[in-house]
Amino acid sequence: MSLADIPVPDTGRFEWQVLSDIIQDNAAMATVMEIVNESHFTSELRQNVWNECVRLFNEGEPFDLSSVALAVGPDFVQHLYNPDIVDDMGFRYAEEHARILHHAAARRLCYKAGLEILGLSQEQGTTDASIYSRAAEAVAKLEPTNAKREVKIMDAL
């Protein structure tokens, strides 16, 4: 079995949990925004829900299922109340859920960067210099875009 046979880590469940948390408790949004950003969400629907919540929060407007559904459509509502998504602790643990999503998203990015580097190393005519250069680019992509929360990634080269 090769590394390419291992599926990319799925963070969808964590993404829905965080969205459920902030919609149930808008007060958690400030804390969650320090940990999570749009890049942590892997589907367009979840990114749209996140962005609408951020927009309303930044405008000082409360948000709930209805207000978010008006902007992004009602398709997301079914996910927020799925018992496999909303855990027993609910929105009281929004910060912890956001940290879980942050770490899971970091692992997903590392996995994708690793596959990119391995793929390049298998290409015909690839030089050591080009592998090192692409590895540095892949590591640079791992840097978070959220300025308030930085995760330092060790230079593997």
N, C-alpha and C. Protein backbone atom coordinates (compact mmCIF):
# COMPACT_ATOMS: atom_id res chain seq x y z
N MET A 1 0.84 -1.18 0.00
CA MET A 1 0.00 0.00 0.00
C MET A 1 0.89 1.25 0.00
N SER A 2 0.53 2.21 -0.84
CA SER A 2 1.31 3.44 -0.91
C SER A 2 0.56 4.56 -0.17
N LEU A 3 1.26 5.66 0.06
CA LEU A 3 0.66 6.81 0.72
C LEU A 3 -0.55 7.32 -0.05
N ALA A 4 -0.51 7.22 -1.36
CA ALA A 4 -1.61 7.70 -2.19
C ALA A 4 -2.89 6.87 -1.99
N ASP A 5 -2.75 5.66 -1.43
CA ASP A 5 -3.92 4.82 -1.18
C ASP A 5 -4.68 5.23 0.08
N ILE A 6 -4.06 6.06 0.91
CA ILE A 6 -4.70 6.51 2.15
C ILE A 6 -5.59 7.69 1.82
N PRO A 7 -6.87 7.64 2.20
CA PRO A 7 -7.77 8.74 1.85
C PRO A 7 -7.41 10.04 2.57
N VAL A 8 -7.70 11.15 1.92
CA VAL A 8 -7.49 12.47 2.53
C VAL A 8 -8.38 12.56 3.77
N PRO A 9 -7.84 13.02 4.89
CA PRO A 9 -8.67 13.14 6.09
C PRO A 9 -9.90 14.01 5.84
N ASP A 10 -11.05 13.51 6.28
CA ASP A 10 -12.32 14.22 6.10
C ASP A 10 -12.63 15.03 7.35
N THR A 11 -12.81 16.33 7.19
CA THR A 11 -13.11 17.20 8.33
C THR A 11 -14.55 17.70 8.32
N GLY A 12 -15.37 17.18 7.43
CA GLY A 12 -16.74 17.65 7.29
C GLY A 12 -17.54 17.62 8.57
N ARG A 13 -17.42 16.56 9.35
CA ARG A 13 -18.17 16.46 10.60
C ARG A 13 -17.76 17.58 11.55
N PHE A 14 -16.48 17.85 11.64
CA PHE A 14 -15.99 18.92 12.52
C PHE A 14 -16.46 20.29 12.02
N GLU A 15 -16.47 20.46 10.71
CA GLU A 15 -16.91 21.73 10.13
C GLU A 15 -18.37 22.00 10.48
N TRP A 16 -19.23 20.97 10.33
CA TRP A 16 -20.65 21.15 10.67
C TRP A 16 -20.82 21.42 12.15
N GLN A 17 -20.02 20.77 12.98
CA GLN A 17 -20.13 20.98 14.43
C GLN A 17 -19.84 22.43 14.79
N VAL A 18 -18.77 22.99 14.24
CA VAL A 18 -18.42 24.38 14.53
C VAL A 18 -19.52 25.32 14.04
N LEU A 19 -20.04 25.08 12.85
CA LEU A 19 -21.13 25.93 12.34
C LEU A 19 -22.36 25.83 13.23
N SER A 20 -22.67 24.63 13.68
CA SER A 20 -23.80 24.44 14.59
C SER A 20 -23.58 25.21 15.88
N ASP A 21 -22.36 25.15 16.41
CA ASP A 21 -22.04 25.85 17.66
C ASP A 21 -22.28 27.34 17.55
N ILE A 22 -21.77 27.96 16.48
CA ILE A 22 -21.86 29.42 16.40
C ILE A 22 -23.27 29.90 16.07
N ILE A 23 -24.02 29.07 15.34
CA ILE A 23 -25.39 29.47 15.04
C ILE A 23 -26.25 29.36 16.30
N GLN A 24 -25.96 28.39 17.15
CA GLN A 24 -26.70 28.25 18.40
C GLN A 24 -26.29 29.29 19.44
N ASP A 25 -25.05 29.74 19.36
CA ASP A 25 -24.54 30.69 20.35
C ASP A 25 -23.64 31.71 19.65
N ASN A 26 -24.24 32.81 19.20
CA ASN A 26 -23.49 33.84 18.47
C ASN A 26 -22.33 34.41 19.29
N ALA A 27 -22.44 34.38 20.61
CA ALA A 27 -21.39 34.91 21.47
C ALA A 27 -20.09 34.12 21.33
N ALA A 28 -20.16 32.89 20.86
CA ALA A 28 -18.96 32.07 20.67
C ALA A 28 -18.18 32.49 19.43
N MET A 29 -18.80 33.29 18.58
CA MET A 29 -18.20 33.62 17.29
C MET A 29 -16.85 34.31 17.42
N ALA A 30 -16.72 35.25 18.33
CA ALA A 30 -15.44 35.98 18.47
C ALA A 30 -14.29 35.02 18.77
N THR A 31 -14.53 34.10 19.67
CA THR A 31 -13.49 33.12 20.03
C THR A 31 -13.20 32.18 18.87
N VAL A 32 -14.25 31.70 18.23
CA VAL A 32 -14.08 30.76 17.12
C VAL A 32 -13.33 31.42 15.96
N MET A 33 -13.61 32.70 15.70
CA MET A 33 -12.93 33.40 14.60
C MET A 33 -11.43 33.56 14.83
N GLU A 34 -10.98 33.47 16.08
CA GLU A 34 -9.54 33.53 16.35
C GLU A 34 -8.85 32.22 16.00
N ILE A 35 -9.63 31.16 15.84
CA ILE A 35 -9.07 29.82 15.62
C ILE A 35 -9.33 29.32 14.20
N VAL A 36 -10.50 29.63 13.66
CA VAL A 36 -10.96 29.06 12.39
C VAL A 36 -11.13 30.18 11.37
N ASN A 37 -10.89 29.85 10.12
CA ASN A 37 -11.15 30.79 9.02
C ASN A 37 -11.73 30.01 7.84
N GLU A 38 -12.06 30.72 6.80
CA GLU A 38 -12.72 30.11 5.64
C GLU A 38 -11.97 28.90 5.09
N SER A 39 -10.65 28.95 5.13
CA SER A 39 -9.86 27.87 4.53
C SER A 39 -10.03 26.54 5.27
N HIS A 40 -10.58 26.56 6.46
CA HIS A 40 -10.80 25.33 7.21
C HIS A 40 -12.01 24.54 6.70
N PHE A 41 -12.84 25.16 5.88
CA PHE A 41 -14.06 24.53 5.40
C PHE A 41 -13.85 24.00 3.99
N THR A 42 -14.17 22.73 3.79
CA THR A 42 -13.80 22.04 2.55
C THR A 42 -14.88 22.05 1.47
N SER A 43 -16.10 22.43 1.81
CA SER A 43 -17.13 22.46 0.78
C SER A 43 -17.62 23.89 0.58
N GLU A 44 -18.11 24.17 -0.61
CA GLU A 44 -18.61 25.50 -0.91
C GLU A 44 -19.79 25.86 0.00
N LEU A 45 -20.65 24.90 0.27
CA LEU A 45 -21.80 25.15 1.14
C LEU A 45 -21.35 25.56 2.54
N ARG A 46 -20.41 24.81 3.12
CA ARG A 46 -19.94 25.14 4.47
C ARG A 46 -19.18 26.47 4.47
N GLN A 47 -18.42 26.76 3.41
CA GLN A 47 -17.75 28.06 3.32
C GLN A 47 -18.78 29.19 3.25
N ASN A 48 -19.84 28.98 2.49
CA ASN A 48 -20.88 30.01 2.38
C ASN A 48 -21.58 30.26 3.71
N VAL A 49 -21.87 29.19 4.44
CA VAL A 49 -22.49 29.34 5.76
C VAL A 49 -21.55 30.09 6.68
N TRP A 50 -20.28 29.70 6.71
CA TRP A 50 -19.28 30.38 7.54
C TRP A 50 -19.20 31.86 7.18
N ASN A 51 -19.06 32.14 5.90
CA ASN A 51 -18.91 33.54 5.46
C ASN A 51 -20.12 34.39 5.81
N GLU A 52 -21.30 33.82 5.73
CA GLU A 52 -22.51 34.56 6.10
C GLU A 52 -22.53 34.83 7.60
N CYS A 53 -22.15 33.86 8.39
CA CYS A 53 -22.08 34.07 9.84
C CYS A 53 -21.05 35.15 10.18
N VAL A 54 -19.90 35.10 9.53
CA VAL A 54 -18.86 36.12 9.75
C VAL A 54 -19.37 37.50 9.35
N ARG A 55 -20.02 37.59 8.20
CA ARG A 55 -20.54 38.87 7.74
C ARG A 55 -21.54 39.45 8.74
N LEU A 56 -22.49 38.65 9.16
CA LEU A 56 -23.50 39.13 10.11
C LEU A 56 -22.87 39.50 11.44
N PHE A 57 -21.93 38.69 11.90
CA PHE A 57 -21.25 38.98 13.17
C PHE A 57 -20.48 40.30 13.07
N ASN A 58 -19.74 40.49 11.99
CA ASN A 58 -18.96 41.73 11.81
C ASN A 58 -19.85 42.97 11.69
N GLU A 59 -21.06 42.78 11.21
CA GLU A 59 -22.01 43.89 11.11
C GLU A 59 -22.79 44.10 12.40
N GLY A 60 -22.49 43.27 13.41
CA GLY A 60 -23.17 43.40 14.69
C GLY A 60 -24.58 42.86 14.69
N GLU A 61 -24.90 42.04 13.71
CA GLU A 61 -26.24 41.47 13.58
C GLU A 61 -26.27 40.07 14.18
N PRO A 62 -27.32 39.76 14.94
CA PRO A 62 -27.46 38.38 15.41
C PRO A 62 -27.79 37.48 14.21
N PHE A 63 -27.46 36.22 14.32
CA PHE A 63 -27.79 35.29 13.24
C PHE A 63 -28.31 33.99 13.82
N ASP A 64 -29.17 33.35 13.05
CA ASP A 64 -29.75 32.07 13.42
C ASP A 64 -30.00 31.29 12.14
N LEU A 65 -30.66 30.15 12.27
CA LEU A 65 -30.91 29.32 11.09
C LEU A 65 -31.63 30.09 9.99
N SER A 66 -32.62 30.86 10.39
CA SER A 66 -33.43 31.59 9.40
C SER A 66 -32.61 32.63 8.64
N SER A 67 -31.86 33.44 9.37
CA SER A 67 -31.10 34.51 8.70
C SER A 67 -30.01 33.95 7.81
N VAL A 68 -29.36 32.89 8.23
CA VAL A 68 -28.31 32.28 7.40
C VAL A 68 -28.95 31.58 6.20
N ALA A 69 -30.07 30.91 6.41
CA ALA A 69 -30.76 30.22 5.31
C ALA A 69 -31.23 31.19 4.24
N LEU A 70 -31.62 32.40 4.63
CA LEU A 70 -32.03 33.40 3.65
C LEU A 70 -30.89 33.72 2.68
N ALA A 71 -29.68 33.73 3.19
CA ALA A 71 -28.53 34.09 2.36
C ALA A 71 -27.97 32.92 1.58
N VAL A 72 -27.91 31.74 2.19
CA VAL A 72 -27.23 30.61 1.53
C VAL A 72 -28.17 29.50 1.09
N GLY A 73 -29.42 29.60 1.43
CA GLY A 73 -30.38 28.55 1.10
C GLY A 73 -30.53 27.58 2.26
N PRO A 74 -31.62 26.83 2.29
CA PRO A 74 -31.93 25.98 3.44
C PRO A 74 -31.23 24.62 3.47
N ASP A 75 -30.45 24.28 2.45
CA ASP A 75 -29.87 22.94 2.36
C ASP A 75 -28.98 22.56 3.55
N PHE A 76 -28.38 23.54 4.19
CA PHE A 76 -27.44 23.23 5.26
C PHE A 76 -28.13 22.83 6.56
N VAL A 77 -29.39 23.20 6.75
CA VAL A 77 -30.08 23.01 8.03
C VAL A 77 -30.10 21.55 8.44
N GLN A 78 -30.31 20.65 7.50
CA GLN A 78 -30.38 19.22 7.83
C GLN A 78 -29.09 18.72 8.47
N HIS A 79 -27.96 19.30 8.11
CA HIS A 79 -26.67 18.86 8.65
C HIS A 79 -26.47 19.30 10.10
N LEU A 80 -27.02 20.44 10.45
CA LEU A 80 -26.78 20.99 11.78
C LEU A 80 -27.50 20.21 12.88
N TYR A 81 -28.55 19.53 12.54
CA TYR A 81 -29.29 18.80 13.55
C TYR A 81 -29.20 17.28 13.38
N ASN A 82 -28.23 16.85 12.65
CA ASN A 82 -27.94 15.43 12.50
C ASN A 82 -27.29 14.96 13.80
N PRO A 83 -27.81 13.92 14.46
CA PRO A 83 -27.23 13.48 15.73
C PRO A 83 -25.78 13.03 15.61
N ASP A 84 -25.34 12.69 14.40
CA ASP A 84 -23.94 12.32 14.22
C ASP A 84 -23.03 13.55 14.20
N ILE A 85 -23.62 14.72 14.03
CA ILE A 85 -22.84 15.95 13.96
C ILE A 85 -22.84 16.68 15.30
N VAL A 86 -24.00 16.93 15.86
CA VAL A 86 -24.10 17.69 17.10
C VAL A 86 -23.89 16.74 18.26
N ASP A 87 -22.82 16.94 18.99
CA ASP A 87 -22.53 16.04 20.10
C ASP A 87 -23.33 16.42 21.35
N ASP A 88 -23.18 15.62 22.39
CA ASP A 88 -23.95 15.83 23.61
C ASP A 88 -23.62 17.15 24.30
N MET A 89 -22.46 17.69 24.04
CA MET A 89 -22.05 18.92 24.71
C MET A 89 -22.61 20.17 24.03
N GLY A 90 -22.96 20.03 22.74
CA GLY A 90 -23.55 21.15 22.03
C GLY A 90 -22.64 22.36 21.96
N PHE A 91 -23.27 23.52 21.95
CA PHE A 91 -22.53 24.76 21.70
C PHE A 91 -21.68 25.21 22.88
N ARG A 92 -21.79 24.58 24.02
CA ARG A 92 -21.00 25.00 25.19
C ARG A 92 -19.51 24.78 24.97
N TYR A 93 -19.16 23.98 24.00
CA TYR A 93 -17.76 23.67 23.75
C TYR A 93 -17.30 24.17 22.38
N ALA A 94 -17.80 25.30 21.98
CA ALA A 94 -17.48 25.84 20.65
C ALA A 94 -15.98 26.04 20.46
N GLU A 95 -15.29 26.55 21.46
CA GLU A 95 -13.85 26.78 21.32
C GLU A 95 -13.10 25.45 21.14
N GLU A 96 -13.47 24.46 21.92
CA GLU A 96 -12.82 23.15 21.78
C GLU A 96 -13.09 22.55 20.41
N HIS A 97 -14.33 22.66 19.94
CA HIS A 97 -14.66 22.15 18.61
C HIS A 97 -13.86 22.89 17.53
N ALA A 98 -13.71 24.20 17.69
CA ALA A 98 -12.95 24.99 16.71
C ALA A 98 -11.49 24.55 16.69
N ARG A 99 -10.93 24.26 17.85
CA ARG A 99 -9.54 23.79 17.90
C ARG A 99 -9.39 22.41 17.25
N ILE A 100 -10.36 21.55 17.45
CA ILE A 100 -10.33 20.23 16.80
C ILE A 100 -10.35 20.41 15.28
N LEU A 101 -11.23 21.28 14.80
CA LEU A 101 -11.29 21.54 13.35
C LEU A 101 -9.98 22.12 12.85
N HIS A 102 -9.41 23.06 13.59
CA HIS A 102 -8.15 23.69 13.19
C HIS A 102 -7.05 22.63 13.03
N HIS A 103 -6.93 21.74 14.00
CA HIS A 103 -5.90 20.70 13.94
C HIS A 103 -6.18 19.69 12.82
N ALA A 104 -7.44 19.33 12.65
CA ALA A 104 -7.80 18.39 11.59
C ALA A 104 -7.51 19.00 10.22
N ALA A 105 -7.82 20.28 10.05
CA ALA A 105 -7.55 20.95 8.77
C ALA A 105 -6.04 21.04 8.52
N ALA A 106 -5.26 21.26 9.58
CA ALA A 106 -3.80 21.30 9.42
C ALA A 106 -3.28 19.95 8.97
N ARG A 107 -3.81 18.88 9.52
CA ARG A 107 -3.39 17.54 9.11
C ARG A 107 -3.76 17.27 7.65
N ARG A 108 -4.95 17.73 7.26
CA ARG A 108 -5.39 17.54 5.87
C ARG A 108 -4.43 18.27 4.92
N LEU A 109 -4.04 19.49 5.26
CA LEU A 109 -3.12 20.25 4.42
C LEU A 109 -1.74 19.59 4.35
N CYS A 110 -1.27 19.08 5.48
CA CYS A 110 0.03 18.39 5.50
C CYS A 110 0.00 17.16 4.60
N TYR A 111 -1.09 16.43 4.67
CA TYR A 111 -1.25 15.23 3.85
C TYR A 111 -1.18 15.60 2.38
N LYS A 112 -1.94 16.63 1.99
CA LYS A 112 -1.95 17.04 0.58
C LYS A 112 -0.58 17.53 0.14
N ALA A 113 0.11 18.28 1.00
CA ALA A 113 1.45 18.75 0.65
C ALA A 113 2.40 17.57 0.49
N GLY A 114 2.28 16.58 1.37
CA GLY A 114 3.12 15.39 1.27
C GLY A 114 2.91 14.64 -0.03
N LEU A 115 1.66 14.51 -0.43
CA LEU A 115 1.37 13.84 -1.70
C LEU A 115 1.95 14.61 -2.88
N GLU A 116 1.86 15.94 -2.81
CA GLU A 116 2.41 16.76 -3.88
C GLU A 116 3.92 16.57 -4.00
N ILE A 117 4.60 16.54 -2.88
CA ILE A 117 6.05 16.36 -2.88
C ILE A 117 6.42 14.96 -3.37
N LEU A 118 5.71 13.94 -2.89
CA LEU A 118 5.99 12.58 -3.34
C LEU A 118 5.73 12.41 -4.83
N GLY A 119 4.65 13.02 -5.31
CA GLY A 119 4.36 12.94 -6.74
C GLY A 119 5.46 13.56 -7.58
N LEU A 120 5.95 14.69 -7.14
CA LEU A 120 7.03 15.37 -7.86
C LEU A 120 8.30 14.52 -7.87
N SER A 121 8.58 13.89 -6.74
CA SER A 121 9.82 13.11 -6.66
C SER A 121 9.79 11.90 -7.59
N GLN A 122 8.62 11.48 -8.03
CA GLN A 122 8.49 10.33 -8.93
C GLN A 122 8.54 10.72 -10.41
N GLU A 123 8.44 12.02 -10.70
CA GLU A 123 8.42 12.47 -12.09
C GLU A 123 9.79 12.27 -12.74
N GLN A 124 9.77 11.89 -13.99
CA GLN A 124 10.98 11.67 -14.77
C GLN A 124 11.76 12.97 -14.90
N GLY A 125 13.04 12.93 -14.70
CA GLY A 125 13.90 14.09 -14.92
C GLY A 125 13.87 15.13 -13.81
N THR A 126 13.27 14.82 -12.70
CA THR A 126 13.21 15.76 -11.58
C THR A 126 14.56 15.82 -10.89
N THR A 127 15.01 17.03 -10.61
CA THR A 127 16.29 17.21 -9.91
C THR A 127 16.05 17.36 -8.42
N ASP A 128 17.10 17.14 -7.65
CA ASP A 128 17.01 17.33 -6.20
C ASP A 128 16.62 18.78 -5.88
N ALA A 129 17.18 19.71 -6.62
CA ALA A 129 16.89 21.13 -6.39
C ALA A 129 15.41 21.44 -6.60
N SER A 130 14.82 20.85 -7.64
CA SER A 130 13.40 21.12 -7.89
C SER A 130 12.53 20.46 -6.82
N ILE A 131 12.94 19.31 -6.32
CA ILE A 131 12.18 18.66 -5.24
C ILE A 131 12.23 19.51 -3.99
N TYR A 132 13.42 20.01 -3.63
CA TYR A 132 13.55 20.86 -2.44
C TYR A 132 12.76 22.15 -2.60
N SER A 133 12.80 22.71 -3.80
CA SER A 133 12.06 23.95 -4.05
C SER A 133 10.56 23.73 -3.90
N ARG A 134 10.05 22.66 -4.51
CA ARG A 134 8.61 22.37 -4.42
C ARG A 134 8.21 22.00 -2.99
N ALA A 135 9.11 21.32 -2.27
CA ALA A 135 8.82 20.98 -0.87
C ALA A 135 8.69 22.26 -0.06
N ALA A 136 9.56 23.22 -0.29
CA ALA A 136 9.49 24.50 0.42
C ALA A 136 8.18 25.23 0.08
N GLU A 137 7.77 25.19 -1.19
CA GLU A 137 6.50 25.81 -1.60
C GLU A 137 5.32 25.12 -0.92
N ALA A 138 5.38 23.79 -0.85
CA ALA A 138 4.28 23.04 -0.21
C ALA A 138 4.20 23.38 1.27
N VAL A 139 5.34 23.49 1.93
CA VAL A 139 5.34 23.85 3.35
C VAL A 139 4.82 25.27 3.54
N ALA A 140 5.19 26.17 2.63
CA ALA A 140 4.71 27.55 2.73
C ALA A 140 3.20 27.63 2.61
N LYS A 141 2.60 26.75 1.82
CA LYS A 141 1.14 26.72 1.69
C LYS A 141 0.45 26.34 2.99
N LEU A 142 1.19 25.68 3.87
CA LEU A 142 0.61 25.23 5.12
C LEU A 142 0.44 26.36 6.13
N GLU A 143 1.10 27.48 5.91
CA GLU A 143 0.97 28.58 6.85
C GLU A 143 -0.46 29.06 6.88
N PRO A 144 -1.03 29.23 8.07
CA PRO A 144 -2.43 29.65 8.16
C PRO A 144 -2.63 31.07 7.66
N THR A 145 -3.84 31.36 7.16
CA THR A 145 -4.14 32.70 6.69
C THR A 145 -4.76 33.55 7.79
N ASN A 146 -5.07 32.96 8.92
CA ASN A 146 -5.66 33.71 10.03
C ASN A 146 -4.53 34.37 10.81
N ALA A 147 -4.44 35.69 10.73
CA ALA A 147 -3.33 36.42 11.34
C ALA A 147 -3.34 36.34 12.86
N LYS A 148 -4.49 36.13 13.47
CA LYS A 148 -4.57 36.12 14.93
C LYS A 148 -4.03 34.82 15.52
N ARG A 149 -4.00 33.77 14.72
CA ARG A 149 -3.57 32.48 15.26
C ARG A 149 -2.57 31.86 14.30
N GLU A 150 -1.34 31.74 14.73
CA GLU A 150 -0.31 31.18 13.87
C GLU A 150 0.13 29.82 14.39
N VAL A 151 0.34 28.94 13.49
CA VAL A 151 0.90 27.64 13.82
C VAL A 151 2.25 27.57 13.14
N LYS A 152 3.30 27.39 13.90
CA LYS A 152 4.64 27.32 13.34
C LYS A 152 4.90 25.91 12.82
N ILE A 153 5.36 25.85 11.61
CA ILE A 153 5.63 24.56 10.99
C ILE A 153 7.14 24.42 10.84
N MET A 154 7.65 23.33 11.34
CA MET A 154 9.09 23.13 11.30
C MET A 154 9.57 23.00 9.86
N ASP A 155 10.71 23.55 9.60
CA ASP A 155 11.30 23.45 8.27
C ASP A 155 11.92 22.07 8.14
N ALA A 156 11.32 21.25 7.31
CA ALA A 156 11.76 19.86 7.16
C ALA A 156 12.99 19.73 6.29
N LEU A 157 13.40 20.81 5.67
CA LEU A 157 14.56 20.72 4.79
C LEU A 157 15.77 20.99 5.61
